[in-house]
Amino acid sequence: IPFLKNRFNVRIGYSDHTIGTVACIGAAALGAELIEKHFTLDKTLEGSDHILSADPAELAEIVHGCNRISTQLGTETKAPTAEEIDNKQIMRSLFIET
């Protein structure tokens, strides 16, 4: 994903055909801006797509995980948040050499 973004200077998406949610969240962590995942209400239905598809709980996990990873990665601009500025005076660290 980083290679494609840098090489072609375009937005990159990820089309997932794996079981579970980890690959989607990992793709978001690597910079994918669009995630495609099949959806099912019943993983036990016939057909190969259902076992690979996200059920409602997994879809919620993907959305939550992608949002968390986006927040945790932050932006390239590094500056204190409003909350950090407000807490600056009360949240000082103190190092005492013994």
PDB file of N, CA and C in Angstrom:
ATOM      1  N   ILE A   1       0.826  -1.197   0.000  1.00  0.00           N
ATOM      2  CA  ILE A   1       0.000   0.000   0.000  1.00  0.00           C
ATOM      3  C   ILE A   1       0.867   1.256   0.000  1.00  0.00           C
ATOM      4  N   PRO A   2       1.859   1.354   0.883  1.00  0.00           N
ATOM      5  CA  PRO A   2       2.717   2.541   0.818  1.00  0.00           C
ATOM      6  C   PRO A   2       3.441   2.652  -0.533  1.00  0.00           C
ATOM      7  N   PHE A   3       3.892   1.523  -1.080  1.00  0.00           N
ATOM      8  CA  PHE A   3       4.573   1.555  -2.377  1.00  0.00           C
ATOM      9  C   PHE A   3       3.648   2.122  -3.453  1.00  0.00           C
ATOM     10  N   LEU A   4       2.415   1.636  -3.524  1.00  0.00           N
ATOM     11  CA  LEU A   4       1.481   2.102  -4.545  1.00  0.00           C
ATOM     12  C   LEU A   4       1.149   3.579  -4.365  1.00  0.00           C
ATOM     13  N   LYS A   5       0.944   4.006  -3.117  1.00  0.00           N
ATOM     14  CA  LYS A   5       0.654   5.420  -2.863  1.00  0.00           C
ATOM     15  C   LYS A   5       1.800   6.307  -3.325  1.00  0.00           C
ATOM     16  N   ASN A   6       3.025   5.903  -2.982  1.00  0.00           N
ATOM     17  CA  ASN A   6       4.189   6.708  -3.354  1.00  0.00           C
ATOM     18  C   ASN A   6       4.489   6.637  -4.843  1.00  0.00           C
ATOM     19  N   ARG A   7       4.377   5.461  -5.415  1.00  0.00           N
ATOM     20  CA  ARG A   7       4.729   5.259  -6.831  1.00  0.00           C
ATOM     21  C   ARG A   7       3.788   5.993  -7.767  1.00  0.00           C
ATOM     22  N   PHE A   8       2.483   5.927  -7.470  1.00  0.00           N
ATOM     23  CA  PHE A   8       1.494   6.483  -8.389  1.00  0.00           C
ATOM     24  C   PHE A   8       0.826   7.753  -7.883  1.00  0.00           C
ATOM     25  N   ASN A   9       1.139   8.149  -6.645  1.00  0.00           N
ATOM     26  CA  ASN A   9       0.580   9.366  -6.063  1.00  0.00           C
ATOM     27  C   ASN A   9      -0.949   9.408  -6.190  1.00  0.00           C
ATOM     28  N   VAL A  10      -1.583   8.299  -5.784  1.00  0.00           N
ATOM     29  CA  VAL A  10      -3.038   8.197  -5.834  1.00  0.00           C
ATOM     30  C   VAL A  10      -3.545   7.656  -4.501  1.00  0.00           C
ATOM     31  N   ARG A  11      -4.835   7.814  -4.272  1.00  0.00           N
ATOM     32  CA  ARG A  11      -5.463   7.209  -3.102  1.00  0.00           C
ATOM     33  C   ARG A  11      -5.559   5.713  -3.343  1.00  0.00           C
ATOM     34  N   ILE A  12      -5.311   4.928  -2.313  1.00  0.00           N
ATOM     35  CA  ILE A  12      -5.299   3.472  -2.438  1.00  0.00           C
ATOM     36  C   ILE A  12      -6.386   2.860  -1.564  1.00  0.00           C
ATOM     37  N   GLY A  13      -7.060   1.856  -2.112  1.00  0.00           N
ATOM     38  CA  GLY A  13      -8.046   1.096  -1.375  1.00  0.00           C
ATOM     39  C   GLY A  13      -7.579  -0.334  -1.205  1.00  0.00           C
ATOM     40  N   TYR A  14      -8.336  -1.100  -0.447  1.00  0.00           N
ATOM     41  CA  TYR A  14      -8.003  -2.502  -0.198  1.00  0.00           C
ATOM     42  C   TYR A  14      -9.275  -3.332  -0.342  1.00  0.00           C
ATOM     43  N   SER A  15      -9.222  -4.363  -1.174  1.00  0.00           N
ATOM     44  CA  SER A  15     -10.328  -5.283  -1.361  1.00  0.00           C
ATOM     45  C   SER A  15     -10.004  -6.569  -0.613  1.00  0.00           C
ATOM     46  N   ASP A  16     -10.743  -6.852   0.446  1.00  0.00           N
ATOM     47  CA  ASP A  16     -10.418  -7.962   1.335  1.00  0.00           C
ATOM     48  C   ASP A  16     -11.234  -9.202   1.023  1.00  0.00           C
ATOM     49  N   HIS A  17     -10.553 -10.328   0.930  1.00  0.00           N
ATOM     50  CA  HIS A  17     -11.201 -11.628   0.757  1.00  0.00           C
ATOM     51  C   HIS A  17     -10.597 -12.621   1.739  1.00  0.00           C
ATOM     52  N   THR A  18     -10.387 -12.172   2.985  1.00  0.00           N
ATOM     53  CA  THR A  18      -9.847 -13.032   4.030  1.00  0.00           C
ATOM     54  C   THR A  18     -10.893 -13.207   5.120  1.00  0.00           C
ATOM     55  N   ILE A  19     -10.693 -14.220   5.951  1.00  0.00           N
ATOM     56  CA  ILE A  19     -11.580 -14.433   7.086  1.00  0.00           C
ATOM     57  C   ILE A  19     -11.127 -13.517   8.223  1.00  0.00           C
ATOM     58  N   GLY A  20     -12.071 -12.819   8.827  1.00  0.00           N
ATOM     59  CA  GLY A  20     -11.755 -11.974   9.967  1.00  0.00           C
ATOM     60  C   GLY A  20     -11.620 -10.508   9.592  1.00  0.00           C
ATOM     61  N   THR A  21     -11.082  -9.736  10.543  1.00  0.00           N
ATOM     62  CA  THR A  21     -11.042  -8.279  10.411  1.00  0.00           C
ATOM     63  C   THR A  21      -9.631  -7.707  10.367  1.00  0.00           C
ATOM     64  N   VAL A  22      -8.636  -8.522  10.704  1.00  0.00           N
ATOM     65  CA  VAL A  22      -7.275  -8.016  10.875  1.00  0.00           C
ATOM     66  C   VAL A  22      -6.706  -7.406   9.599  1.00  0.00           C
ATOM     67  N   ALA A  23      -6.927  -8.047   8.461  1.00  0.00           N
ATOM     68  CA  ALA A  23      -6.356  -7.539   7.207  1.00  0.00           C
ATOM     69  C   ALA A  23      -6.908  -6.156   6.864  1.00  0.00           C
ATOM     70  N   CYS A  24      -8.185  -5.943   7.105  1.00  0.00           N
ATOM     71  CA  CYS A  24      -8.783  -4.633   6.820  1.00  0.00           C
ATOM     72  C   CYS A  24      -8.183  -3.550   7.708  1.00  0.00           C
ATOM     73  N   ILE A  25      -8.066  -3.838   8.985  1.00  0.00           N
ATOM     74  CA  ILE A  25      -7.511  -2.855   9.913  1.00  0.00           C
ATOM     75  C   ILE A  25      -6.033  -2.628   9.604  1.00  0.00           C
ATOM     76  N   GLY A  26      -5.319  -3.688   9.259  1.00  0.00           N
ATOM     77  CA  GLY A  26      -3.916  -3.550   8.861  1.00  0.00           C
ATOM     78  C   GLY A  26      -3.768  -2.701   7.616  1.00  0.00           C
ATOM     79  N   ALA A  27      -4.660  -2.889   6.643  1.00  0.00           N
ATOM     80  CA  ALA A  27      -4.615  -2.079   5.420  1.00  0.00           C
ATOM     81  C   ALA A  27      -4.830  -0.604   5.744  1.00  0.00           C
ATOM     82  N   ALA A  28      -5.760  -0.325   6.643  1.00  0.00           N
ATOM     83  CA  ALA A  28      -5.995   1.063   7.059  1.00  0.00           C
ATOM     84  C   ALA A  28      -4.753   1.627   7.732  1.00  0.00           C
ATOM     85  N   ALA A  29      -4.088   0.818   8.541  1.00  0.00           N
ATOM     86  CA  ALA A  29      -2.867   1.271   9.216  1.00  0.00           C
ATOM     87  C   ALA A  29      -1.765   1.582   8.212  1.00  0.00           C
ATOM     88  N   LEU A  30      -1.771   0.889   7.090  1.00  0.00           N
ATOM     89  CA  LEU A  30      -0.755   1.119   6.058  1.00  0.00           C
ATOM     90  C   LEU A  30      -1.127   2.248   5.102  1.00  0.00           C
ATOM     91  N   GLY A  31      -2.331   2.788   5.240  1.00  0.00           N
ATOM     92  CA  GLY A  31      -2.706   3.943   4.431  1.00  0.00           C
ATOM     93  C   GLY A  31      -3.840   3.741   3.458  1.00  0.00           C
ATOM     94  N   ALA A  32      -4.488   2.579   3.454  1.00  0.00           N
ATOM     95  CA  ALA A  32      -5.649   2.389   2.580  1.00  0.00           C
ATOM     96  C   ALA A  32      -6.746   3.361   3.005  1.00  0.00           C
ATOM     97  N   GLU A  33      -7.342   4.024   2.033  1.00  0.00           N
ATOM     98  CA  GLU A  33      -8.379   5.005   2.332  1.00  0.00           C
ATOM     99  C   GLU A  33      -9.781   4.473   2.058  1.00  0.00           C
ATOM    100  N   LEU A  34      -9.875   3.311   1.443  1.00  0.00           N
ATOM    101  CA  LEU A  34     -11.154   2.678   1.157  1.00  0.00           C
ATOM    102  C   LEU A  34     -10.990   1.190   1.410  1.00  0.00           C
ATOM    103  N   ILE A  35     -11.937   0.605   2.129  1.00  0.00           N
ATOM    104  CA  ILE A  35     -11.919  -0.824   2.413  1.00  0.00           C
ATOM    105  C   ILE A  35     -13.160  -1.443   1.771  1.00  0.00           C
ATOM    106  N   GLU A  36     -12.951  -2.512   0.999  1.00  0.00           N
ATOM    107  CA  GLU A  36     -14.069  -3.262   0.420  1.00  0.00           C
ATOM    108  C   GLU A  36     -14.088  -4.629   1.083  1.00  0.00           C
ATOM    109  N   LYS A  37     -15.213  -4.960   1.707  1.00  0.00           N
ATOM    110  CA  LYS A  37     -15.369  -6.242   2.391  1.00  0.00           C
ATOM    111  C   LYS A  37     -16.786  -6.723   2.134  1.00  0.00           C
ATOM    112  N   HIS A  38     -16.945  -7.953   1.693  1.00  0.00           N
ATOM    113  CA  HIS A  38     -18.281  -8.497   1.497  1.00  0.00           C
ATOM    114  C   HIS A  38     -19.000  -8.561   2.836  1.00  0.00           C
ATOM    115  N   PHE A  39     -20.318  -8.485   2.778  1.00  0.00           N
ATOM    116  CA  PHE A  39     -21.139  -8.454   3.989  1.00  0.00           C
ATOM    117  C   PHE A  39     -22.171  -9.581   3.925  1.00  0.00           C
ATOM    118  N   THR A  40     -22.420 -10.225   5.053  1.00  0.00           N
ATOM    119  CA  THR A  40     -23.447 -11.259   5.144  1.00  0.00           C
ATOM    120  C   THR A  40     -24.145 -11.169   6.489  1.00  0.00           C
ATOM    121  N   LEU A  41     -25.372 -11.625   6.502  1.00  0.00           N
ATOM    122  CA  LEU A  41     -26.094 -11.741   7.768  1.00  0.00           C
ATOM    123  C   LEU A  41     -25.952 -13.132   8.359  1.00  0.00           C
ATOM    124  N   ASP A  42     -25.434 -14.083   7.551  1.00  0.00           N
ATOM    125  CA  ASP A  42     -25.326 -15.464   8.014  1.00  0.00           C
ATOM    126  C   ASP A  42     -24.120 -16.137   7.349  1.00  0.00           C
ATOM    127  N   LYS A  43     -23.054 -16.347   8.106  1.00  0.00           N
ATOM    128  CA  LYS A  43     -21.824 -16.947   7.580  1.00  0.00           C
ATOM    129  C   LYS A  43     -21.986 -18.422   7.220  1.00  0.00           C
ATOM    130  N   THR A  44     -23.061 -19.063   7.675  1.00  0.00           N
ATOM    131  CA  THR A  44     -23.250 -20.489   7.405  1.00  0.00           C
ATOM    132  C   THR A  44     -24.008 -20.752   6.104  1.00  0.00           C
ATOM    133  N   LEU A  45     -24.433 -19.716   5.408  1.00  0.00           N
ATOM    134  CA  LEU A  45     -25.128 -19.912   4.133  1.00  0.00           C
ATOM    135  C   LEU A  45     -24.194 -20.533   3.106  1.00  0.00           C
ATOM    136  N   GLU A  46     -24.774 -21.173   2.109  1.00  0.00           N
ATOM    137  CA  GLU A  46     -23.977 -21.792   1.046  1.00  0.00           C
ATOM    138  C   GLU A  46     -23.288 -20.725   0.208  1.00  0.00           C
ATOM    139  N   GLY A  47     -22.178 -21.128  -0.373  1.00  0.00           N
ATOM    140  CA  GLY A  47     -21.416 -20.224  -1.223  1.00  0.00           C
ATOM    141  C   GLY A  47     -20.126 -19.812  -0.538  1.00  0.00           C
ATOM    142  N   SER A  48     -19.115 -19.626  -1.346  1.00  0.00           N
ATOM    143  CA  SER A  48     -17.787 -19.338  -0.786  1.00  0.00           C
ATOM    144  C   SER A  48     -17.656 -17.938  -0.197  1.00  0.00           C
ATOM    145  N   ASP A  49     -18.504 -17.021  -0.589  1.00  0.00           N
ATOM    146  CA  ASP A  49     -18.374 -15.642  -0.110  1.00  0.00           C
ATOM    147  C   ASP A  49     -18.793 -15.460   1.345  1.00  0.00           C
ATOM    148  N   HIS A  50     -19.740 -16.238   1.824  1.00  0.00           N
ATOM    149  CA  HIS A  50     -20.289 -15.989   3.157  1.00  0.00           C
ATOM    150  C   HIS A  50     -19.253 -16.165   4.265  1.00  0.00           C
ATOM    151  N   ILE A  51     -18.418 -17.187   4.186  1.00  0.00           N
ATOM    152  CA  ILE A  51     -17.413 -17.405   5.229  1.00  0.00           C
ATOM    153  C   ILE A  51     -16.372 -16.282   5.245  1.00  0.00           C
ATOM    154  N   LEU A  52     -16.122 -15.673   4.077  1.00  0.00           N
ATOM    155  CA  LEU A  52     -15.146 -14.584   3.973  1.00  0.00           C
ATOM    156  C   LEU A  52     -15.756 -13.217   4.269  1.00  0.00           C
ATOM    157  N   SER A  53     -17.063 -13.169   4.335  1.00  0.00           N
ATOM    158  CA  SER A  53     -17.762 -11.898   4.500  1.00  0.00           C
ATOM    159  C   SER A  53     -17.820 -11.487   5.962  1.00  0.00           C
ATOM    160  N   ALA A  54     -18.000 -10.214   6.175  1.00  0.00           N
ATOM    161  CA  ALA A  54     -18.159  -9.686   7.533  1.00  0.00           C
ATOM    162  C   ALA A  54     -19.626  -9.770   7.920  1.00  0.00           C
ATOM    163  N   ASP A  55     -19.877 -10.238   9.125  1.00  0.00           N
ATOM    164  CA  ASP A  55     -21.231 -10.169   9.664  1.00  0.00           C
ATOM    165  C   ASP A  55     -21.366  -8.814  10.373  1.00  0.00           C
ATOM    166  N   PRO A  56     -22.543  -8.476  10.882  1.00  0.00           N
ATOM    167  CA  PRO A  56     -22.700  -7.145  11.492  1.00  0.00           C
ATOM    168  C   PRO A  56     -21.675  -6.840  12.586  1.00  0.00           C
ATOM    169  N   ALA A  57     -21.363  -7.809  13.440  1.00  0.00           N
ATOM    170  CA  ALA A  57     -20.398  -7.560  14.526  1.00  0.00           C
ATOM    171  C   ALA A  57     -19.000  -7.319  13.970  1.00  0.00           C
ATOM    172  N   GLU A  58     -18.609  -8.083  12.950  1.00  0.00           N
ATOM    173  CA  GLU A  58     -17.279  -7.885  12.351  1.00  0.00           C
ATOM    174  C   GLU A  58     -17.197  -6.567  11.600  1.00  0.00           C
ATOM    175  N   LEU A  59     -18.281  -6.191  10.935  1.00  0.00           N
ATOM    176  CA  LEU A  59     -18.276  -4.906  10.237  1.00  0.00           C
ATOM    177  C   LEU A  59     -18.097  -3.759  11.233  1.00  0.00           C
ATOM    178  N   ALA A  60     -18.772  -3.850  12.359  1.00  0.00           N
ATOM    179  CA  ALA A  60     -18.607  -2.837  13.412  1.00  0.00           C
ATOM    180  C   ALA A  60     -17.168  -2.838  13.926  1.00  0.00           C
ATOM    181  N   GLU A  61     -16.569  -4.027  14.074  1.00  0.00           N
ATOM    182  CA  GLU A  61     -15.174  -4.127  14.525  1.00  0.00           C
ATOM    183  C   GLU A  61     -14.219  -3.493  13.516  1.00  0.00           C
ATOM    184  N   ILE A  62     -14.478  -3.699  12.233  1.00  0.00           N
ATOM    185  CA  ILE A  62     -13.638  -3.091  11.186  1.00  0.00           C
ATOM    186  C   ILE A  62     -13.727  -1.574  11.244  1.00  0.00           C
ATOM    187  N   VAL A  63     -14.937  -1.062  11.318  1.00  0.00           N
ATOM    188  CA  VAL A  63     -15.127   0.401  11.375  1.00  0.00           C
ATOM    189  C   VAL A  63     -14.454   0.970  12.617  1.00  0.00           C
ATOM    190  N   HIS A  64     -14.687   0.352  13.762  1.00  0.00           N
ATOM    191  CA  HIS A  64     -14.092   0.827  15.014  1.00  0.00           C
ATOM    192  C   HIS A  64     -12.567   0.751  14.942  1.00  0.00           C
ATOM    193  N   GLY A  65     -12.036  -0.369  14.462  1.00  0.00           N
ATOM    194  CA  GLY A  65     -10.581  -0.540  14.370  1.00  0.00           C
ATOM    195  C   GLY A  65      -9.939   0.448  13.419  1.00  0.00           C
ATOM    196  N   CYS A  66     -10.568   0.676  12.264  1.00  0.00           N
ATOM    197  CA  CYS A  66     -10.016   1.634  11.294  1.00  0.00           C
ATOM    198  C   CYS A  66     -10.049   3.052  11.850  1.00  0.00           C
ATOM    199  N   ASN A  67     -11.127   3.403  12.539  1.00  0.00           N
ATOM    200  CA  ASN A  67     -11.206   4.733  13.150  1.00  0.00           C
ATOM    201  C   ASN A  67     -10.157   4.906  14.239  1.00  0.00           C
ATOM    202  N   ARG A  68      -9.967   3.884  15.063  1.00  0.00           N
ATOM    203  CA  ARG A  68      -8.957   3.969  16.131  1.00  0.00           C
ATOM    204  C   ARG A  68      -7.557   4.101  15.550  1.00  0.00           C
ATOM    205  N   ILE A  69      -7.251   3.297  14.539  1.00  0.00           N
ATOM    206  CA  ILE A  69      -5.906   3.333  13.962  1.00  0.00           C
ATOM    207  C   ILE A  69      -5.659   4.698  13.326  1.00  0.00           C
ATOM    208  N   SER A  70      -6.667   5.262  12.694  1.00  0.00           N
ATOM    209  CA  SER A  70      -6.525   6.586  12.086  1.00  0.00           C
ATOM    210  C   SER A  70      -6.230   7.637  13.152  1.00  0.00           C
ATOM    211  N   THR A  71      -6.941   7.578  14.253  1.00  0.00           N
ATOM    212  CA  THR A  71      -6.714   8.516  15.349  1.00  0.00           C
ATOM    213  C   THR A  71      -5.325   8.329  15.943  1.00  0.00           C
ATOM    214  N   GLN A  72      -4.930   7.076  16.152  1.00  0.00           N
ATOM    215  CA  GLN A  72      -3.637   6.797  16.773  1.00  0.00           C
ATOM    216  C   GLN A  72      -2.470   7.198  15.876  1.00  0.00           C
ATOM    217  N   LEU A  73      -2.628   7.073  14.568  1.00  0.00           N
ATOM    218  CA  LEU A  73      -1.553   7.467  13.660  1.00  0.00           C
ATOM    219  C   LEU A  73      -1.408   8.984  13.582  1.00  0.00           C
ATOM    220  N   GLY A  74      -2.497   9.689  13.800  1.00  0.00           N
ATOM    221  CA  GLY A  74      -2.438  11.149  13.788  1.00  0.00           C
ATOM    222  C   GLY A  74      -2.182  11.704  12.392  1.00  0.00           C
ATOM    223  N   THR A  75      -1.560  12.864  12.362  1.00  0.00           N
ATOM    224  CA  THR A  75      -1.258  13.526  11.092  1.00  0.00           C
ATOM    225  C   THR A  75       0.230  13.833  11.046  1.00  0.00           C
ATOM    226  N   GLU A  76       0.665  14.293   9.893  1.00  0.00           N
ATOM    227  CA  GLU A  76       2.075  14.663   9.754  1.00  0.00           C
ATOM    228  C   GLU A  76       2.401  15.956  10.483  1.00  0.00           C
ATOM    229  N   THR A  77       1.385  16.753  10.782  1.00  0.00           N
ATOM    230  CA  THR A  77       1.578  17.989  11.519  1.00  0.00           C
ATOM    231  C   THR A  77       1.626  17.657  13.010  1.00  0.00           C
ATOM    232  N   LYS A  78       2.722  18.001  13.628  1.00  0.00           N
ATOM    233  CA  LYS A  78       2.874  17.714  15.049  1.00  0.00           C
ATOM    234  C   LYS A  78       2.772  19.010  15.836  1.00  0.00           C
ATOM    235  N   ALA A  79       1.731  19.097  16.629  1.00  0.00           N
ATOM    236  CA  ALA A  79       1.502  20.264  17.477  1.00  0.00           C
ATOM    237  C   ALA A  79       0.635  19.805  18.640  1.00  0.00           C
ATOM    238  N   PRO A  80       0.743  20.467  19.773  1.00  0.00           N
ATOM    239  CA  PRO A  80      -0.090  20.081  20.917  1.00  0.00           C
ATOM    240  C   PRO A  80      -1.570  20.260  20.595  1.00  0.00           C
ATOM    241  N   THR A  81      -2.386  19.348  21.092  1.00  0.00           N
ATOM    242  CA  THR A  81      -3.830  19.496  20.942  1.00  0.00           C
ATOM    243  C   THR A  81      -4.320  20.531  21.957  1.00  0.00           C
ATOM    244  N   ALA A  82      -5.541  20.970  21.782  1.00  0.00           N
ATOM    245  CA  ALA A  82      -6.119  21.933  22.722  1.00  0.00           C
ATOM    246  C   ALA A  82      -6.135  21.353  24.138  1.00  0.00           C
ATOM    247  N   GLU A  83      -6.426  20.056  24.250  1.00  0.00           N
ATOM    248  CA  GLU A  83      -6.442  19.409  25.551  1.00  0.00           C
ATOM    249  C   GLU A  83      -5.052  19.372  26.173  1.00  0.00           C
ATOM    250  N   GLU A  84      -4.037  19.129  25.351  1.00  0.00           N
ATOM    251  CA  GLU A  84      -2.664  19.102  25.866  1.00  0.00           C
ATOM    252  C   GLU A  84      -2.235  20.480  26.354  1.00  0.00           C
ATOM    253  N   ILE A  85      -2.632  21.502  25.644  1.00  0.00           N
ATOM    254  CA  ILE A  85      -2.296  22.868  26.060  1.00  0.00           C
ATOM    255  C   ILE A  85      -2.984  23.194  27.381  1.00  0.00           C
ATOM    256  N   ASP A  86      -4.271  22.808  27.492  1.00  0.00           N
ATOM    257  CA  ASP A  86      -5.011  23.054  28.737  1.00  0.00           C
ATOM    258  C   ASP A  86      -4.378  22.334  29.924  1.00  0.00           C
ATOM    259  N   ASN A  87      -3.865  21.129  29.684  1.00  0.00           N
ATOM    260  CA  ASN A  87      -3.300  20.315  30.765  1.00  0.00           C
ATOM    261  C   ASN A  87      -1.816  20.581  31.013  1.00  0.00           C
ATOM    262  N   LYS A  88      -1.218  21.439  30.243  1.00  0.00           N
ATOM    263  CA  LYS A  88       0.228  21.658  30.313  1.00  0.00           C
ATOM    264  C   LYS A  88       0.697  21.999  31.725  1.00  0.00           C
ATOM    265  N   GLN A  89      -0.019  22.853  32.404  1.00  0.00           N
ATOM    266  CA  GLN A  89       0.422  23.307  33.723  1.00  0.00           C
ATOM    267  C   GLN A  89       0.241  22.259  34.814  1.00  0.00           C
ATOM    268  N   ILE A  90      -0.759  21.400  34.684  1.00  0.00           N
ATOM    269  CA  ILE A  90      -1.011  20.436  35.754  1.00  0.00           C
ATOM    270  C   ILE A  90      -0.388  19.053  35.496  1.00  0.00           C
ATOM    271  N   MET A  91       0.060  18.812  34.286  1.00  0.00           N
ATOM    272  CA  MET A  91       0.551  17.483  33.923  1.00  0.00           C
ATOM    273  C   MET A  91       2.059  17.506  33.627  1.00  0.00           C
ATOM    274  N   ARG A  92       2.814  18.110  34.462  1.00  0.00           N
ATOM    275  CA  ARG A  92       4.267  18.158  34.297  1.00  0.00           C
ATOM    276  C   ARG A  92       4.898  16.895  34.831  1.00  0.00           C
ATOM    277  N   SER A  93       5.939  16.422  34.169  1.00  0.00           N
ATOM    278  CA  SER A  93       6.709  15.297  34.666  1.00  0.00           C
ATOM    279  C   SER A  93       7.913  15.859  35.416  1.00  0.00           C
ATOM    280  N   LEU A  94       8.339  15.139  36.421  1.00  0.00           N
ATOM    281  CA  LEU A  94       9.468  15.580  37.210  1.00  0.00           C
ATOM    282  C   LEU A  94      10.454  14.416  37.335  1.00  0.00           C
ATOM    283  N   PHE A  95      11.695  14.678  36.985  1.00  0.00           N
ATOM    284  CA  PHE A  95      12.727  13.655  37.076  1.00  0.00           C
ATOM    285  C   PHE A  95      13.647  14.054  38.224  1.00  0.00           C
ATOM    286  N   ILE A  96      13.764  13.160  39.182  1.00  0.00           N
ATOM    287  CA  ILE A  96      14.640  13.421  40.331  1.00  0.00           C
ATOM    288  C   ILE A  96      15.740  12.383  40.311  1.00  0.00           C
ATOM    289  N   GLU A  97      16.964  12.866  40.270  1.00  0.00           N
ATOM    290  CA  GLU A  97      18.116  11.961  40.272  1.00  0.00           C
ATOM    291  C   GLU A  97      18.425  11.549  41.707  1.00  0.00           C
ATOM    292  N   THR A  98      18.632  10.262  41.934  1.00  0.00           N
ATOM    293  CA  THR A  98      18.920   9.798  43.288  1.00  0.00           C
ATOM    294  C   THR A  98      20.334   9.263  43.366  1.00  0.00           C
TER     295      THR A  98
END
